[in-house]
């Protein structure tokens, strides 16, 4: 009985790990697309440092994965429009937030 329970817990843990790793791979692909497509445009508009650009791209990728819009391109276009229209956007790193 105990060995069956521990075996089940172990198999659940493994499947959770597999799911998390596939989500991370998907996140990485979206992140790479965001960086490639909009890197120069974001730098041009907001004069971002390389680190800020990476953080912004990661946030956009996370938002895309969490919200699951109809299409990737419509999501990114919407984000870019919002960024272009709002020139008062301030990018703050997680470390800066924690220091406030």
Foldseek 3Di string as FASTA:
>chain_A
DVVVVVVVVVVVVVVVVVVVVVVVVQLVVQLVVCCVPCVVVCCVLQVDDPVLSSVVSSVLSVVCVVPVDPDSVVSVVVVVVVCVVDSVDDGDDPVRVVVD
